[in-house]
Full PDB file with SEQRES, HELIX, SHEET, SSBOND, CRYST1, ORIGX, SCALE, CONECT and MASTER records, all heavy atoms in Angstrom:
SEQRES   1 A   32  ARG ALA VAL LEU ASP GLU LEU ALA GLU GLN TYR PRO ALA          
SEQRES   2 A   32  LEU GLU LEU SER ALA GLN ASP ARG ASP SER LEU ASN ARG          
SEQRES   3 A   32  ALA TRP HIS ARG MET GLY                                      
HELIX    1 AA1 ALA A    2  GLN A   10  1                                   9    
HELIX    2 AA2 PRO A   12  LEU A   14  5                                   3    
HELIX    3 AA3 ALA A   18  ASN A   25  1                                   8    
HELIX    4 AA4 ARG A   26  ARG A   30  5                                   5    
CRYST1    1.000    1.000    1.000  90.00  90.00  90.00 P 1           1          
ORIGX1      1.000000  0.000000  0.000000        0.00000                         
ORIGX2      0.000000  1.000000  0.000000        0.00000                         
ORIGX3      0.000000  0.000000  1.000000        0.00000                         
SCALE1      1.000000  0.000000  0.000000        0.00000                         
SCALE2      0.000000  1.000000  0.000000        0.00000                         
SCALE3      0.000000  0.000000  1.000000        0.00000                         
ATOM      1  N   ARG A   1     -36.431-124.282 -21.637  1.00  0.00           N  
ATOM      2  CA  ARG A   1     -36.258-123.062 -22.427  1.00  0.00           C  
ATOM      3  C   ARG A   1     -37.535-122.730 -23.207  1.00  0.00           C  
ATOM      4  O   ARG A   1     -37.909-121.548 -23.336  1.00  0.00           O  
ATOM      5  CB  ARG A   1     -35.073-123.241 -23.390  1.00  0.00           C  
ATOM      6  CG  ARG A   1     -34.765-122.044 -24.275  1.00  0.00           C  
ATOM      7  CD  ARG A   1     -34.385-120.805 -23.472  1.00  0.00           C  
ATOM      8  NE  ARG A   1     -34.079-119.690 -24.347  1.00  0.00           N  
ATOM      9  CZ  ARG A   1     -34.982-118.941 -24.975  1.00  0.00           C  
ATOM     10  NH1 ARG A   1     -36.282-119.194 -24.797  1.00  0.00           N  
ATOM     11  NH2 ARG A   1     -34.614-117.969 -25.764  1.00  0.00           N  
ATOM     12  N   ALA A   2     -38.213-123.740 -23.713  1.00  0.00           N  
ATOM     13  CA  ALA A   2     -39.447-123.514 -24.457  1.00  0.00           C  
ATOM     14  C   ALA A   2     -40.518-122.910 -23.550  1.00  0.00           C  
ATOM     15  O   ALA A   2     -41.287-122.038 -23.962  1.00  0.00           O  
ATOM     16  CB  ALA A   2     -39.946-124.818 -25.073  1.00  0.00           C  
ATOM     17  N   VAL A   3     -40.573-123.367 -22.304  1.00  0.00           N  
ATOM     18  CA  VAL A   3     -41.569-122.826 -21.363  1.00  0.00           C  
ATOM     19  C   VAL A   3     -41.279-121.356 -21.078  1.00  0.00           C  
ATOM     20  O   VAL A   3     -42.201-120.551 -20.902  1.00  0.00           O  
ATOM     21  CB  VAL A   3     -41.585-123.647 -20.055  1.00  0.00           C  
ATOM     22  CG1 VAL A   3     -42.541-123.015 -19.042  1.00  0.00           C  
ATOM     23  CG2 VAL A   3     -42.007-125.089 -20.325  1.00  0.00           C  
ATOM     24  N   LEU A   4     -40.017-120.981 -21.044  1.00  0.00           N  
ATOM     25  CA  LEU A   4     -39.684-119.571 -20.802  1.00  0.00           C  
ATOM     26  C   LEU A   4     -40.239-118.663 -21.894  1.00  0.00           C  
ATOM     27  O   LEU A   4     -40.555-117.499 -21.629  1.00  0.00           O  
ATOM     28  CB  LEU A   4     -38.171-119.398 -20.681  1.00  0.00           C  
ATOM     29  CG  LEU A   4     -37.556-119.813 -19.341  1.00  0.00           C  
ATOM     30  CD1 LEU A   4     -36.039-119.700 -19.385  1.00  0.00           C  
ATOM     31  CD2 LEU A   4     -38.122-118.966 -18.195  1.00  0.00           C  
ATOM     32  N   ASP A   5     -40.348-119.181 -23.100  1.00  0.00           N  
ATOM     33  CA  ASP A   5     -40.961-118.377 -24.166  1.00  0.00           C  
ATOM     34  C   ASP A   5     -42.437-118.095 -23.834  1.00  0.00           C  
ATOM     35  O   ASP A   5     -42.939-117.016 -24.119  1.00  0.00           O  
ATOM     36  CB  ASP A   5     -40.845-119.094 -25.504  1.00  0.00           C  
ATOM     37  CG  ASP A   5     -39.414-119.109 -26.028  1.00  0.00           C  
ATOM     38  OD1 ASP A   5     -38.629-118.238 -25.627  1.00  0.00           O  
ATOM     39  OD2 ASP A   5     -39.093-120.017 -26.826  1.00  0.00           O  
ATOM     40  N   GLU A   6     -43.107-119.087 -23.237  1.00  0.00           N  
ATOM     41  CA  GLU A   6     -44.493-118.882 -22.823  1.00  0.00           C  
ATOM     42  C   GLU A   6     -44.565-117.881 -21.667  1.00  0.00           C  
ATOM     43  O   GLU A   6     -45.402-116.983 -21.647  1.00  0.00           O  
ATOM     44  CB  GLU A   6     -45.118-120.208 -22.372  1.00  0.00           C  
ATOM     45  CG  GLU A   6     -45.196-121.285 -23.430  1.00  0.00           C  
ATOM     46  CD  GLU A   6     -45.770-122.565 -22.874  1.00  0.00           C  
ATOM     47  OE1 GLU A   6     -46.229-122.572 -21.699  1.00  0.00           O  
ATOM     48  OE2 GLU A   6     -45.759-123.579 -23.598  1.00  0.00           O  
ATOM     49  N   LEU A   7     -43.672-118.060 -20.697  1.00  0.00           N  
ATOM     50  CA  LEU A   7     -43.694-117.206 -19.509  1.00  0.00           C  
ATOM     51  C   LEU A   7     -43.342-115.756 -19.839  1.00  0.00           C  
ATOM     52  O   LEU A   7     -43.792-114.838 -19.165  1.00  0.00           O  
ATOM     53  CB  LEU A   7     -42.738-117.763 -18.459  1.00  0.00           C  
ATOM     54  CG  LEU A   7     -43.210-119.066 -17.800  1.00  0.00           C  
ATOM     55  CD1 LEU A   7     -42.097-119.671 -16.943  1.00  0.00           C  
ATOM     56  CD2 LEU A   7     -44.453-118.823 -16.942  1.00  0.00           C  
ATOM     57  N   ALA A   8     -42.547-115.562 -20.859  1.00  0.00           N  
ATOM     58  CA  ALA A   8     -42.202-114.209 -21.268  1.00  0.00           C  
ATOM     59  C   ALA A   8     -43.461-113.440 -21.664  1.00  0.00           C  
ATOM     60  O   ALA A   8     -43.566-112.225 -21.436  1.00  0.00           O  
ATOM     61  CB  ALA A   8     -41.212-114.232 -22.425  1.00  0.00           C  
ATOM     62  N   GLU A   9     -44.437-114.123 -22.257  1.00  0.00           N  
ATOM     63  CA  GLU A   9     -45.696-113.473 -22.634  1.00  0.00           C  
ATOM     64  C   GLU A   9     -46.599-113.275 -21.425  1.00  0.00           C  
ATOM     65  O   GLU A   9     -47.352-112.292 -21.362  1.00  0.00           O  
ATOM     66  CB  GLU A   9     -46.410-114.328 -23.681  1.00  0.00           C  
ATOM     67  CG  GLU A   9     -45.626-114.468 -24.983  1.00  0.00           C  
ATOM     68  CD  GLU A   9     -46.390-115.274 -26.029  1.00  0.00           C  
ATOM     69  OE1 GLU A   9     -47.548-115.644 -25.763  1.00  0.00           O  
ATOM     70  OE2 GLU A   9     -45.821-115.534 -27.104  1.00  0.00           O  
ATOM     71  N   GLN A  10     -46.513-114.183 -20.450  1.00  0.00           N  
ATOM     72  CA  GLN A  10     -47.353-114.071 -19.257  1.00  0.00           C  
ATOM     73  C   GLN A  10     -46.838-113.022 -18.269  1.00  0.00           C  
ATOM     74  O   GLN A  10     -47.599-112.525 -17.442  1.00  0.00           O  
ATOM     75  CB  GLN A  10     -47.440-115.432 -18.555  1.00  0.00           C  
ATOM     76  CG  GLN A  10     -48.127-116.514 -19.358  1.00  0.00           C  
ATOM     77  CD  GLN A  10     -48.126-117.851 -18.642  1.00  0.00           C  
ATOM     78  OE1 GLN A  10     -48.182-117.922 -17.424  1.00  0.00           O  
ATOM     79  NE2 GLN A  10     -48.040-118.924 -19.417  1.00  0.00           N  
ATOM     80  N   TYR A  11     -45.541-112.728 -18.352  1.00  0.00           N  
ATOM     81  CA  TYR A  11     -44.912-111.759 -17.452  1.00  0.00           C  
ATOM     82  C   TYR A  11     -44.236-110.657 -18.256  1.00  0.00           C  
ATOM     83  O   TYR A  11     -43.006-110.531 -18.269  1.00  0.00           O  
ATOM     84  CB  TYR A  11     -43.887-112.450 -16.547  1.00  0.00           C  
ATOM     85  CG  TYR A  11     -44.480-113.406 -15.549  1.00  0.00           C  
ATOM     86  CD1 TYR A  11     -44.807-114.707 -15.899  1.00  0.00           C  
ATOM     87  CD2 TYR A  11     -44.723-113.002 -14.231  1.00  0.00           C  
ATOM     88  CE1 TYR A  11     -45.359-115.579 -14.969  1.00  0.00           C  
ATOM     89  CE2 TYR A  11     -45.262-113.873 -13.290  1.00  0.00           C  
ATOM     90  CZ  TYR A  11     -45.580-115.167 -13.667  1.00  0.00           C  
ATOM     91  OH  TYR A  11     -46.124-116.029 -12.736  1.00  0.00           O  
ATOM     92  N   PRO A  12     -45.013-109.847 -18.955  1.00  0.00           N  
ATOM     93  CA  PRO A  12     -44.420-108.822 -19.839  1.00  0.00           C  
ATOM     94  C   PRO A  12     -43.595-107.788 -19.093  1.00  0.00           C  
ATOM     95  O   PRO A  12     -42.658-107.208 -19.676  1.00  0.00           O  
ATOM     96  CB  PRO A  12     -45.655-108.186 -20.494  1.00  0.00           C  
ATOM     97  CG  PRO A  12     -46.788-108.472 -19.563  1.00  0.00           C  
ATOM     98  CD  PRO A  12     -46.483-109.814 -18.988  1.00  0.00           C  
ATOM     99  N   ALA A  13     -43.881-107.570 -17.793  1.00  0.00           N  
ATOM    100  CA  ALA A  13     -43.132-106.574 -17.038  1.00  0.00           C  
ATOM    101  C   ALA A  13     -41.657-106.944 -16.914  1.00  0.00           C  
ATOM    102  O   ALA A  13     -40.799-106.056 -16.761  1.00  0.00           O  
ATOM    103  CB  ALA A  13     -43.738-106.403 -15.645  1.00  0.00           C  
ATOM    104  N   LEU A  14     -41.332-108.219 -16.994  1.00  0.00           N  
ATOM    105  CA  LEU A  14     -39.931-108.649 -16.890  1.00  0.00           C  
ATOM    106  C   LEU A  14     -39.143-108.336 -18.167  1.00  0.00           C  
ATOM    107  O   LEU A  14     -37.907-108.317 -18.130  1.00  0.00           O  
ATOM    108  CB  LEU A  14     -39.855-110.151 -16.602  1.00  0.00           C  
ATOM    109  CG  LEU A  14     -40.046-110.578 -15.139  1.00  0.00           C  
ATOM    110  CD1 LEU A  14     -40.112-112.105 -15.038  1.00  0.00           C  
ATOM    111  CD2 LEU A  14     -38.933-110.033 -14.263  1.00  0.00           C  
ATOM    112  N   GLU A  15     -39.855-108.146 -19.269  1.00  0.00           N  
ATOM    113  CA  GLU A  15     -39.205-107.838 -20.556  1.00  0.00           C  
ATOM    114  C   GLU A  15     -38.083-108.838 -20.850  1.00  0.00           C  
ATOM    115  O   GLU A  15     -36.933-108.467 -21.067  1.00  0.00           O  
ATOM    116  CB  GLU A  15     -38.660-106.403 -20.555  1.00  0.00           C  
ATOM    117  CG  GLU A  15     -39.737-105.334 -20.379  1.00  0.00           C  
ATOM    118  CD  GLU A  15     -39.175-103.932 -20.392  1.00  0.00           C  
ATOM    119  OE1 GLU A  15     -37.940-103.782 -20.315  1.00  0.00           O  
ATOM    120  OE2 GLU A  15     -39.973-102.972 -20.484  1.00  0.00           O  
ATOM    121  N   LEU A  16     -38.441-110.112 -20.855  1.00  0.00           N  
ATOM    122  CA  LEU A  16     -37.440-111.172 -21.011  1.00  0.00           C  
ATOM    123  C   LEU A  16     -36.943-111.270 -22.450  1.00  0.00           C  
ATOM    124  O   LEU A  16     -37.653-111.724 -23.341  1.00  0.00           O  
ATOM    125  CB  LEU A  16     -38.028-112.517 -20.584  1.00  0.00           C  
ATOM    126  CG  LEU A  16     -38.348-112.680 -19.091  1.00  0.00           C  
ATOM    127  CD1 LEU A  16     -39.043-114.013 -18.849  1.00  0.00           C  
ATOM    128  CD2 LEU A  16     -37.075-112.584 -18.261  1.00  0.00           C  
ATOM    129  N   SER A  17     -35.711-110.855 -22.649  1.00  0.00           N  
ATOM    130  CA  SER A  17     -35.074-111.010 -23.961  1.00  0.00           C  
ATOM    131  C   SER A  17     -34.641-112.465 -24.127  1.00  0.00           C  
ATOM    132  O   SER A  17     -34.656-113.248 -23.175  1.00  0.00           O  
ATOM    133  CB  SER A  17     -33.851-110.105 -24.067  1.00  0.00           C  
ATOM    134  OG  SER A  17     -32.841-110.536 -23.166  1.00  0.00           O  
ATOM    135  N   ALA A  18     -34.231-112.812 -25.343  1.00  0.00           N  
ATOM    136  CA  ALA A  18     -33.728-114.167 -25.574  1.00  0.00           C  
ATOM    137  C   ALA A  18     -32.518-114.442 -24.691  1.00  0.00           C  
ATOM    138  O   ALA A  18     -32.349-115.553 -24.149  1.00  0.00           O  
ATOM    139  CB  ALA A  18     -33.371-114.343 -27.047  1.00  0.00           C  
ATOM    140  N   GLN A  19     -31.668-113.444 -24.518  1.00  0.00           N  
ATOM    141  CA  GLN A  19     -30.494-113.605 -23.655  1.00  0.00           C  
ATOM    142  C   GLN A  19     -30.911-113.813 -22.192  1.00  0.00           C  
ATOM    143  O   GLN A  19     -30.335-114.635 -21.481  1.00  0.00           O  
ATOM    144  CB  GLN A  19     -29.582-112.388 -23.771  1.00  0.00           C  
ATOM    145  CG  GLN A  19     -28.287-112.523 -22.979  1.00  0.00           C  
ATOM    146  CD  GLN A  19     -27.363-111.337 -23.191  1.00  0.00           C  
ATOM    147  OE1 GLN A  19     -27.638-110.433 -23.980  1.00  0.00           O  
ATOM    148  NE2 GLN A  19     -26.247-111.326 -22.476  1.00  0.00           N  
ATOM    149  N   ASP A  20     -31.934-113.074 -21.745  1.00  0.00           N  
ATOM    150  CA  ASP A  20     -32.448-113.243 -20.384  1.00  0.00           C  
ATOM    151  C   ASP A  20     -32.961-114.656 -20.179  1.00  0.00           C  
ATOM    152  O   ASP A  20     -32.718-115.291 -19.140  1.00  0.00           O  
ATOM    153  CB  ASP A  20     -33.601-112.274 -20.112  1.00  0.00           C  
ATOM    154  CG  ASP A  20     -33.160-110.823 -20.052  1.00  0.00           C  
ATOM    155  OD1 ASP A  20     -32.008-110.562 -19.678  1.00  0.00           O  
ATOM    156  OD2 ASP A  20     -33.998-109.952 -20.378  1.00  0.00           O  
ATOM    157  N   ARG A  21     -33.669-115.183 -21.169  1.00  0.00           N  
ATOM    158  CA  ARG A  21     -34.241-116.521 -21.050  1.00  0.00           C  
ATOM    159  C   ARG A  21     -33.137-117.577 -21.006  1.00  0.00           C  
ATOM    160  O   ARG A  21     -33.208-118.525 -20.226  1.00  0.00           O  
ATOM    161  CB  ARG A  21     -35.206-116.777 -22.213  1.00  0.00           C  
ATOM    162  CG  ARG A  21     -36.377-115.820 -22.229  1.00  0.00           C  
ATOM    163  CD  ARG A  21     -37.214-115.963 -23.491  1.00  0.00           C  
ATOM    164  NE  ARG A  21     -37.788-114.666 -23.853  1.00  0.00           N  
ATOM    165  CZ  ARG A  21     -38.563-114.450 -24.887  1.00  0.00           C  
ATOM    166  NH1 ARG A  21     -38.880-115.452 -25.697  1.00  0.00           N  
ATOM    167  NH2 ARG A  21     -39.025-113.238 -25.143  1.00  0.00           N  
ATOM    168  N   ASP A  22     -32.120-117.394 -21.825  1.00  0.00           N  
ATOM    169  CA  ASP A  22     -30.994-118.325 -21.799  1.00  0.00           C  
ATOM    170  C   ASP A  22     -30.293-118.291 -20.437  1.00  0.00           C  
ATOM    171  O   ASP A  22     -29.919-119.331 -19.899  1.00  0.00           O  
ATOM    172  CB  ASP A  22     -29.981-117.967 -22.895  1.00  0.00           C  
ATOM    173  CG  ASP A  22     -30.499-118.253 -24.297  1.00  0.00           C  
ATOM    174  OD1 ASP A  22     -31.471-119.029 -24.423  1.00  0.00           O  
ATOM    175  OD2 ASP A  22     -29.940-117.688 -25.256  1.00  0.00           O  
ATOM    176  N   SER A  23     -30.142-117.093 -19.893  1.00  0.00           N  
ATOM    177  CA  SER A  23     -29.486-116.951 -18.590  1.00  0.00           C  
ATOM    178  C   SER A  23     -30.320-117.586 -17.481  1.00  0.00           C  
ATOM    179  O   SER A  23     -29.788-118.299 -16.622  1.00  0.00           O  
ATOM    180  CB  SER A  23     -29.251-115.469 -18.291  1.00  0.00           C  
ATOM    181  OG  SER A  23     -28.650-115.293 -17.029  1.00  0.00           O  
ATOM    182  N   LEU A  24     -31.634-117.340 -17.481  1.00  0.00           N  
ATOM    183  CA  LEU A  24     -32.505-117.944 -16.479  1.00  0.00           C  
ATOM    184  C   LEU A  24     -32.468-119.470 -16.576  1.00  0.00           C  
ATOM    185  O   LEU A  24     -32.479-120.169 -15.561  1.00  0.00           O  
ATOM    186  CB  LEU A  24     -33.941-117.471 -16.672  1.00  0.00           C  
ATOM    187  CG  LEU A  24     -34.322-116.107 -16.113  1.00  0.00           C  
ATOM    188  CD1 LEU A  24     -35.789-115.806 -16.425  1.00  0.00           C  
ATOM    189  CD2 LEU A  24     -34.091-116.041 -14.604  1.00  0.00           C  
ATOM    190  N   ASN A  25     -32.386-119.979 -17.781  1.00  0.00           N  
ATOM    191  CA  ASN A  25     -32.393-121.430 -17.964  1.00  0.00           C  
ATOM    192  C   ASN A  25     -31.175-122.092 -17.307  1.00  0.00           C  
ATOM    193  O   ASN A  25     -31.220-123.263 -16.931  1.00  0.00           O  
ATOM    194  CB  ASN A  25     -32.430-121.772 -19.458  1.00  0.00           C  
ATOM    195  CG  ASN A  25     -33.247-123.005 -19.744  1.00  0.00           C  
ATOM    196  OD1 ASN A  25     -34.208-123.293 -19.045  1.00  0.00           O  
ATOM    197  ND2 ASN A  25     -32.872-123.738 -20.777  1.00  0.00           N  
ATOM    198  N   ARG A  26     -30.115-121.333 -17.161  1.00  0.00           N  
ATOM    199  CA  ARG A  26     -28.900-121.879 -16.541  1.00  0.00           C  
ATOM    200  C   ARG A  26     -29.064-122.063 -15.036  1.00  0.00           C  
ATOM    201  O   ARG A  26     -28.258-122.736 -14.399  1.00  0.00           O  
ATOM    202  CB  ARG A  26     -27.706-120.948 -16.810  1.00  0.00           C  
ATOM    203  CG  ARG A  26     -27.286-120.869 -18.262  1.00  0.00           C  
ATOM    204  CD  ARG A  26     -26.805-122.184 -18.821  1.00  0.00           C  
ATOM    205  NE  ARG A  26     -25.643-122.690 -18.099  1.00  0.00           N  
ATOM    206  CZ  ARG A  26     -25.075-123.890 -18.320  1.00  0.00           C  
ATOM    207  NH1 ARG A  26     -25.600-124.683 -19.216  1.00  0.00           N  
ATOM    208  NH2 ARG A  26     -24.021-124.285 -17.630  1.00  0.00           N  
ATOM    209  N   ALA A  27     -30.113-121.487 -14.451  1.00  0.00           N  
ATOM    210  CA  ALA A  27     -30.343-121.669 -13.005  1.00  0.00           C  
ATOM    211  C   ALA A  27     -30.498-123.139 -12.653  1.00  0.00           C  
ATOM    212  O   ALA A  27     -30.129-123.567 -11.558  1.00  0.00           O  
ATOM    213  CB  ALA A  27     -31.572-120.888 -12.566  1.00  0.00           C  
ATOM    214  N   TRP A  28     -31.044-123.921 -13.583  1.00  0.00           N  
ATOM    215  CA  TRP A  28     -31.206-125.360 -13.340  1.00  0.00           C  
ATOM    216  C   TRP A  28     -29.859-126.070 -13.238  1.00  0.00           C  
ATOM    217  O   TRP A  28     -29.787-127.206 -12.744  1.00  0.00           O  
ATOM    218  CB  TRP A  28     -32.032-125.978 -14.453  1.00  0.00           C  
ATOM    219  CG  TRP A  28     -33.443-125.499 -14.482  1.00  0.00           C  
ATOM    220  CD1 TRP A  28     -33.957-124.490 -15.243  1.00  0.00           C  
ATOM    221  CD2 TRP A  28     -34.538-125.968 -13.684  1.00  0.00           C  
ATOM    222  NE1 TRP A  28     -35.300-124.308 -14.984  1.00  0.00           N  
ATOM    223  CE2 TRP A  28     -35.683-125.210 -14.029  1.00  0.00           C  
ATOM    224  CE3 TRP A  28     -34.654-126.977 -12.714  1.00  0.00           C  
ATOM    225  CZ2 TRP A  28     -36.930-125.411 -13.431  1.00  0.00           C  
ATOM    226  CZ3 TRP A  28     -35.891-127.184 -12.118  1.00  0.00           C  
ATOM    227  CH2 TRP A  28     -37.002-126.414 -12.492  1.00  0.00           C  
ATOM    228  N   HIS A  29     -28.810-125.428 -13.699  1.00  0.00           N  
ATOM    229  CA  HIS A  29     -27.469-126.021 -13.647  1.00  0.00           C  
ATOM    230  C   HIS A  29     -26.708-125.612 -12.386  1.00  0.00           C  
ATOM    231  O   HIS A  29     -25.556-126.013 -12.203  1.00  0.00           O  
ATOM    232  CB  HIS A  29     -26.668-125.593 -14.883  1.00  0.00           C  
ATOM    233  CG  HIS A  29     -27.203-126.138 -16.168  1.00  0.00           C  
ATOM    234  ND1 HIS A  29     -26.523-127.077 -16.910  1.00  0.00           N  
ATOM    235  CD2 HIS A  29     -28.355-125.880 -16.841  1.00  0.00           C  
ATOM    236  CE1 HIS A  29     -27.241-127.367 -17.991  1.00  0.00           C  
ATOM    237  NE2 HIS A  29     -28.355-126.649 -17.967  1.00  0.00           N  
ATOM    238  N   ARG A  30     -27.353-124.844 -11.512  1.00  0.00           N  
ATOM    239  CA  ARG A  30     -26.698-124.367 -10.291  1.00  0.00           C  
ATOM    240  C   ARG A  30     -27.506-124.756  -9.046  1.00  0.00           C  
ATOM    241  O   ARG A  30     -27.535-124.034  -8.053  1.00  0.00           O  
ATOM    242  CB  ARG A  30     -26.538-122.845 -10.331  1.00  0.00           C  
ATOM    243  CG  ARG A  30     -25.702-122.323 -11.485  1.00  0.00           C  
ATOM    244  CD  ARG A  30     -25.431-120.825 -11.331  1.00  0.00           C  
ATOM    245  NE  ARG A  30     -26.657-120.037 -11.299  1.00  0.00           N  
ATOM    246  CZ  ARG A  30     -27.266-119.569 -12.394  1.00  0.00           C  
ATOM    247  NH1 ARG A  30     -26.767-119.807 -13.596  1.00  0.00           N  
ATOM    248  NH2 ARG A  30     -28.383-118.842 -12.282  1.00  0.00           N  
ATOM    249  N   MET A  31     -28.154-125.884  -9.092  1.00  0.00           N  
ATOM    250  CA  MET A  31     -28.958-126.310  -7.957  1.00  0.00           C  
ATOM    251  C   MET A  31     -28.059-126.825  -6.824  1.00  0.00           C  
ATOM    252  O   MET A  31     -27.086-127.540  -7.064  1.00  0.00           O  
ATOM    253  CB  MET A  31     -29.937-127.414  -8.369  1.00  0.00           C  
ATOM    254  CG  MET A  31     -31.013-126.952  -9.341  1.00  0.00           C  
ATOM    255  SD  MET A  31     -32.225-128.256  -9.722  1.00  0.00           S  
ATOM    256  CE  MET A  31     -31.245-129.358 -10.774  1.00  0.00           C  
ATOM    257  N   GLY A  32     -28.414-126.453  -5.598  1.00  0.00           N  
ATOM    258  CA  GLY A  32     -27.721-126.992  -4.434  1.00  0.00           C  
ATOM    259  C   GLY A  32     -28.378-128.284  -3.982  1.00  0.00           C  
ATOM    260  O   GLY A  32     -29.426-128.698  -4.509  1.00  0.00           O  
TER     261      GLY A  32                                                      
MASTER        0    0    0    4    0    0    0    6  260    1    0    3          
END                                                                             
């Protein structure tokens, strides 16, 4: 989650809100 805060600045076009970052972080919980 901390790294996503860095990536939000590197990828401004994605406009990653705090909610977006929390949602993306859950992808690690859905690995096949």
